[in-house]
Amino acid sequence: MSTSTQVMELFNIFSKTYSKEEAQTIVKDIEEISNIKSKELATRGDLREVELKLTKEIEAVRLKIEEAKSSTIKWVAGLLAAQAAAIIAAVIAIIFAFLK
């Protein structure tokens, strides 16, 4: 629990139904669970740190994608040039074949 006022309020609520010792035990258990759970919660700083890490990773992936795009464009351009050269060579071969 975060404040002694809240602890007292819980104690007063439970002491109406349970004995003083039982109410103290219940409130103590609730405090322990609350403390454990609060340690598991992410703070704004934790979230900001994760955000920065993810931003860096996303940027790295973007760079890899750009490199892959560039490489793919180079390959496609090269293959188109080779295909064009093959077609021109075939056309020239056909023309020479008809001229003979």
N, C-alpha and C. Protein backbone atom coordinates (compact mmCIF):
# COMPACT_ATOMS: atom_id res chain seq x y z
N MET A 1 0.86 -1.17 0.00
CA MET A 1 0.00 0.00 0.00
C MET A 1 0.90 1.23 0.00
N SER A 2 0.37 2.30 -0.47
CA SER A 2 1.24 3.46 -0.63
C SER A 2 1.23 4.39 0.57
N THR A 3 0.16 4.47 1.33
CA THR A 3 0.14 5.40 2.46
C THR A 3 -0.40 4.70 3.70
N SER A 4 -0.02 5.26 4.86
CA SER A 4 -0.50 4.68 6.12
C SER A 4 -2.00 4.90 6.27
N THR A 5 -2.53 5.94 5.65
CA THR A 5 -3.97 6.19 5.72
C THR A 5 -4.73 5.05 5.04
N GLN A 6 -4.23 4.62 3.91
CA GLN A 6 -4.86 3.51 3.21
C GLN A 6 -4.77 2.22 4.02
N VAL A 7 -3.64 2.02 4.67
CA VAL A 7 -3.46 0.83 5.51
C VAL A 7 -4.47 0.85 6.65
N MET A 8 -4.63 2.00 7.27
CA MET A 8 -5.59 2.12 8.37
C MET A 8 -7.02 1.90 7.88
N GLU A 9 -7.33 2.42 6.71
CA GLU A 9 -8.67 2.23 6.15
C GLU A 9 -8.94 0.75 5.91
N LEU A 10 -7.95 0.06 5.34
CA LEU A 10 -8.11 -1.38 5.12
C LEU A 10 -8.27 -2.11 6.44
N PHE A 11 -7.43 -1.75 7.42
CA PHE A 11 -7.53 -2.40 8.72
C PHE A 11 -8.92 -2.19 9.32
N ASN A 12 -9.44 -0.97 9.24
CA ASN A 12 -10.77 -0.69 9.79
C ASN A 12 -11.84 -1.51 9.07
N ILE A 13 -11.72 -1.64 7.78
CA ILE A 13 -12.70 -2.43 7.01
C ILE A 13 -12.66 -3.90 7.44
N PHE A 14 -11.45 -4.47 7.48
CA PHE A 14 -11.33 -5.89 7.83
C PHE A 14 -11.61 -6.16 9.31
N SER A 15 -11.33 -5.20 10.17
CA SER A 15 -11.56 -5.43 11.60
C SER A 15 -13.05 -5.48 11.93
N LYS A 16 -13.90 -5.00 11.05
CA LYS A 16 -15.35 -5.12 11.26
C LYS A 16 -15.81 -6.56 11.10
N THR A 17 -15.09 -7.32 10.26
CA THR A 17 -15.49 -8.69 9.96
C THR A 17 -14.60 -9.71 10.68
N TYR A 18 -13.32 -9.37 10.85
CA TYR A 18 -12.36 -10.31 11.43
C TYR A 18 -11.83 -9.76 12.75
N SER A 19 -11.13 -10.64 13.48
CA SER A 19 -10.50 -10.19 14.73
C SER A 19 -9.36 -9.24 14.40
N LYS A 20 -8.86 -8.55 15.42
CA LYS A 20 -7.78 -7.58 15.23
C LYS A 20 -6.56 -8.24 14.60
N GLU A 21 -6.18 -9.42 15.12
CA GLU A 21 -5.01 -10.14 14.60
C GLU A 21 -5.21 -10.58 13.16
N GLU A 22 -6.42 -11.08 12.86
CA GLU A 22 -6.70 -11.52 11.49
C GLU A 22 -6.69 -10.33 10.53
N ALA A 23 -7.27 -9.21 10.97
CA ALA A 23 -7.29 -8.01 10.13
C ALA A 23 -5.87 -7.53 9.87
N GLN A 24 -5.01 -7.55 10.91
CA GLN A 24 -3.61 -7.13 10.73
C GLN A 24 -2.90 -8.05 9.73
N THR A 25 -3.15 -9.34 9.86
CA THR A 25 -2.52 -10.31 8.95
C THR A 25 -2.97 -10.09 7.51
N ILE A 26 -4.27 -9.87 7.34
CA ILE A 26 -4.80 -9.65 5.98
C ILE A 26 -4.20 -8.39 5.38
N VAL A 27 -4.18 -7.30 6.17
CA VAL A 27 -3.64 -6.04 5.66
C VAL A 27 -2.15 -6.18 5.35
N LYS A 28 -1.43 -6.90 6.21
CA LYS A 28 0.00 -7.12 5.97
C LYS A 28 0.21 -7.91 4.68
N ASP A 29 -0.59 -8.94 4.47
CA ASP A 29 -0.48 -9.74 3.24
C ASP A 29 -0.79 -8.88 2.01
N ILE A 30 -1.81 -8.05 2.11
CA ILE A 30 -2.16 -7.17 0.99
C ILE A 30 -1.01 -6.21 0.69
N GLU A 31 -0.38 -5.68 1.74
CA GLU A 31 0.76 -4.77 1.55
C GLU A 31 1.91 -5.49 0.84
N GLU A 32 2.21 -6.71 1.27
CA GLU A 32 3.30 -7.46 0.65
C GLU A 32 3.01 -7.73 -0.83
N ILE A 33 1.80 -8.15 -1.12
CA ILE A 33 1.43 -8.40 -2.52
C ILE A 33 1.52 -7.12 -3.33
N SER A 34 1.04 -6.03 -2.75
CA SER A 34 1.09 -4.74 -3.44
C SER A 34 2.52 -4.32 -3.71
N ASN A 35 3.40 -4.51 -2.74
CA ASN A 35 4.82 -4.15 -2.92
C ASN A 35 5.47 -5.00 -4.00
N ILE A 36 5.16 -6.29 -4.01
CA ILE A 36 5.73 -7.18 -5.02
C ILE A 36 5.24 -6.77 -6.40
N LYS A 37 3.95 -6.52 -6.52
CA LYS A 37 3.38 -6.16 -7.81
C LYS A 37 3.90 -4.80 -8.29
N SER A 38 4.10 -3.87 -7.36
CA SER A 38 4.58 -2.55 -7.77
C SER A 38 6.01 -2.62 -8.31
N LYS A 39 6.78 -3.60 -7.84
CA LYS A 39 8.14 -3.76 -8.36
C LYS A 39 8.12 -4.32 -9.78
N GLU A 40 7.04 -5.01 -10.14
CA GLU A 40 6.93 -5.60 -11.47
C GLU A 40 6.43 -4.59 -12.50
N LEU A 41 5.88 -3.48 -12.05
CA LEU A 41 5.32 -2.50 -12.98
C LEU A 41 6.42 -1.72 -13.68
N ALA A 42 6.19 -1.40 -14.93
CA ALA A 42 7.15 -0.61 -15.68
C ALA A 42 6.96 0.87 -15.38
N THR A 43 8.06 1.57 -15.24
CA THR A 43 8.00 3.01 -15.02
C THR A 43 8.04 3.71 -16.37
N ARG A 44 7.82 5.00 -16.35
CA ARG A 44 7.92 5.77 -17.60
C ARG A 44 9.34 5.68 -18.17
N GLY A 45 10.31 5.67 -17.27
CA GLY A 45 11.70 5.54 -17.71
C GLY A 45 11.94 4.19 -18.39
N ASP A 46 11.37 3.13 -17.81
CA ASP A 46 11.50 1.80 -18.41
C ASP A 46 10.89 1.79 -19.81
N LEU A 47 9.70 2.37 -19.92
CA LEU A 47 9.02 2.40 -21.21
C LEU A 47 9.80 3.24 -22.22
N ARG A 48 10.36 4.35 -21.78
CA ARG A 48 11.15 5.21 -22.68
C ARG A 48 12.39 4.47 -23.17
N GLU A 49 13.02 3.72 -22.28
CA GLU A 49 14.21 2.95 -22.64
C GLU A 49 13.86 1.91 -23.70
N VAL A 50 12.76 1.21 -23.51
CA VAL A 50 12.32 0.21 -24.49
C VAL A 50 11.97 0.89 -25.81
N GLU A 51 11.32 2.04 -25.72
CA GLU A 51 10.96 2.78 -26.94
C GLU A 51 12.21 3.15 -27.73
N LEU A 52 13.24 3.63 -27.05
CA LEU A 52 14.49 4.00 -27.73
C LEU A 52 15.16 2.79 -28.37
N LYS A 53 15.17 1.67 -27.66
CA LYS A 53 15.77 0.45 -28.22
C LYS A 53 15.02 0.01 -29.46
N LEU A 54 13.69 0.03 -29.37
CA LEU A 54 12.89 -0.39 -30.52
C LEU A 54 13.06 0.56 -31.69
N THR A 55 13.17 1.85 -31.41
CA THR A 55 13.38 2.83 -32.47
C THR A 55 14.69 2.55 -33.20
N LYS A 56 15.74 2.24 -32.43
CA LYS A 56 17.03 1.91 -33.05
C LYS A 56 16.94 0.65 -33.89
N GLU A 57 16.24 -0.36 -33.37
CA GLU A 57 16.09 -1.61 -34.12
C GLU A 57 15.28 -1.39 -35.40
N ILE A 58 14.23 -0.60 -35.32
CA ILE A 58 13.42 -0.30 -36.50
C ILE A 58 14.25 0.42 -37.54
N GLU A 59 15.06 1.36 -37.10
CA GLU A 59 15.91 2.10 -38.04
C GLU A 59 16.92 1.17 -38.71
N ALA A 60 17.47 0.22 -37.94
CA ALA A 60 18.42 -0.74 -38.51
C ALA A 60 17.72 -1.61 -39.56
N VAL A 61 16.51 -2.01 -39.29
CA VAL A 61 15.75 -2.82 -40.26
C VAL A 61 15.45 -2.00 -41.50
N ARG A 62 15.10 -0.73 -41.31
CA ARG A 62 14.84 0.15 -42.47
C ARG A 62 16.07 0.25 -43.36
N LEU A 63 17.25 0.39 -42.74
CA LEU A 63 18.49 0.47 -43.52
C LEU A 63 18.73 -0.82 -44.30
N LYS A 64 18.48 -1.96 -43.66
CA LYS A 64 18.65 -3.23 -44.35
C LYS A 64 17.68 -3.36 -45.52
N ILE A 65 16.47 -2.89 -45.33
CA ILE A 65 15.49 -2.93 -46.42
C ILE A 65 15.94 -2.05 -47.57
N GLU A 66 16.46 -0.86 -47.25
CA GLU A 66 16.95 0.04 -48.31
C GLU A 66 18.12 -0.59 -49.06
N GLU A 67 19.01 -1.26 -48.33
CA GLU A 67 20.13 -1.93 -48.98
C GLU A 67 19.63 -3.05 -49.89
N ALA A 68 18.65 -3.80 -49.42
CA ALA A 68 18.10 -4.89 -50.22
C ALA A 68 17.41 -4.34 -51.47
N LYS A 69 16.70 -3.22 -51.31
CA LYS A 69 16.05 -2.58 -52.47
C LYS A 69 17.11 -2.18 -53.51
N SER A 70 18.14 -1.54 -53.04
CA SER A 70 19.20 -1.07 -53.93
C SER A 70 19.84 -2.24 -54.66
N SER A 71 20.13 -3.29 -53.92
CA SER A 71 20.74 -4.48 -54.53
C SER A 71 19.80 -5.11 -55.55
N THR A 72 18.53 -5.17 -55.22
CA THR A 72 17.54 -5.76 -56.14
C THR A 72 17.43 -4.93 -57.40
N ILE A 73 17.41 -3.63 -57.26
CA ILE A 73 17.33 -2.75 -58.43
C ILE A 73 18.55 -2.95 -59.33
N LYS A 74 19.73 -3.06 -58.73
CA LYS A 74 20.94 -3.28 -59.52
C LYS A 74 20.87 -4.60 -60.28
N TRP A 75 20.41 -5.67 -59.61
CA TRP A 75 20.28 -6.97 -60.25
C TRP A 75 19.27 -6.92 -61.39
N VAL A 76 18.14 -6.30 -61.14
CA VAL A 76 17.10 -6.24 -62.17
C VAL A 76 17.60 -5.43 -63.37
N ALA A 77 18.25 -4.31 -63.11
CA ALA A 77 18.79 -3.50 -64.20
C ALA A 77 19.82 -4.30 -65.00
N GLY A 78 20.67 -5.01 -64.32
CA GLY A 78 21.67 -5.83 -65.00
C GLY A 78 21.03 -6.93 -65.83
N LEU A 79 20.01 -7.58 -65.27
CA LEU A 79 19.32 -8.64 -66.01
C LEU A 79 18.56 -8.08 -67.22
N LEU A 80 17.97 -6.90 -67.05
CA LEU A 80 17.29 -6.27 -68.19
C LEU A 80 18.29 -5.94 -69.31
N ALA A 81 19.44 -5.44 -68.94
CA ALA A 81 20.47 -5.12 -69.93
C ALA A 81 20.95 -6.40 -70.63
N ALA A 82 21.14 -7.46 -69.87
CA ALA A 82 21.57 -8.74 -70.45
C ALA A 82 20.49 -9.30 -71.38
N GLN A 83 19.24 -9.18 -70.95
CA GLN A 83 18.13 -9.66 -71.77
C GLN A 83 18.03 -8.85 -73.07
N ALA A 84 18.18 -7.54 -72.94
CA ALA A 84 18.14 -6.68 -74.13
C ALA A 84 19.27 -7.06 -75.09
N ALA A 85 20.45 -7.29 -74.53
CA ALA A 85 21.59 -7.68 -75.36
C ALA A 85 21.33 -9.02 -76.04
N ALA A 86 20.72 -9.96 -75.34
CA ALA A 86 20.41 -11.27 -75.91
C ALA A 86 19.39 -11.14 -77.03
N ILE A 87 18.39 -10.30 -76.83
CA ILE A 87 17.36 -10.09 -77.86
C ILE A 87 17.98 -9.45 -79.09
N ILE A 88 18.81 -8.44 -78.89
CA ILE A 88 19.48 -7.76 -80.02
C ILE A 88 20.36 -8.75 -80.76
N ALA A 89 21.09 -9.59 -80.02
CA ALA A 89 21.95 -10.58 -80.66
C ALA A 89 21.11 -11.57 -81.46
N ALA A 90 19.97 -11.97 -80.93
CA ALA A 90 19.09 -12.91 -81.64
C ALA A 90 18.53 -12.26 -82.90
N VAL A 91 18.11 -11.01 -82.80
CA VAL A 91 17.58 -10.30 -83.97
C VAL A 91 18.67 -10.17 -85.04
N ILE A 92 19.87 -9.80 -84.64
CA ILE A 92 20.98 -9.68 -85.59
C ILE A 92 21.28 -11.02 -86.22
N ALA A 93 21.25 -12.09 -85.44
CA ALA A 93 21.51 -13.43 -85.97
C ALA A 93 20.45 -13.81 -86.98
N ILE A 94 19.20 -13.48 -86.70
CA ILE A 94 18.10 -13.79 -87.64
C ILE A 94 18.26 -12.98 -88.93
N ILE A 95 18.60 -11.71 -88.79
CA ILE A 95 18.80 -10.86 -89.97
C ILE A 95 19.92 -11.42 -90.83
N PHE A 96 21.06 -11.76 -90.26
CA PHE A 96 22.16 -12.34 -91.03
C PHE A 96 21.79 -13.66 -91.66
N ALA A 97 20.96 -14.42 -90.96
CA ALA A 97 20.54 -15.71 -91.51
C ALA A 97 19.68 -15.51 -92.76
N PHE A 98 18.83 -14.49 -92.75
CA PHE A 98 17.98 -14.21 -93.92
C PHE A 98 18.78 -13.58 -95.06
N LEU A 99 19.84 -12.83 -94.74
CA LEU A 99 20.63 -12.18 -95.78
C LEU A 99 21.49 -13.16 -96.56
N LYS A 100 21.78 -14.31 -96.03
CA LYS A 100 22.64 -15.28 -96.71
C LYS A 100 21.91 -15.97 -97.77
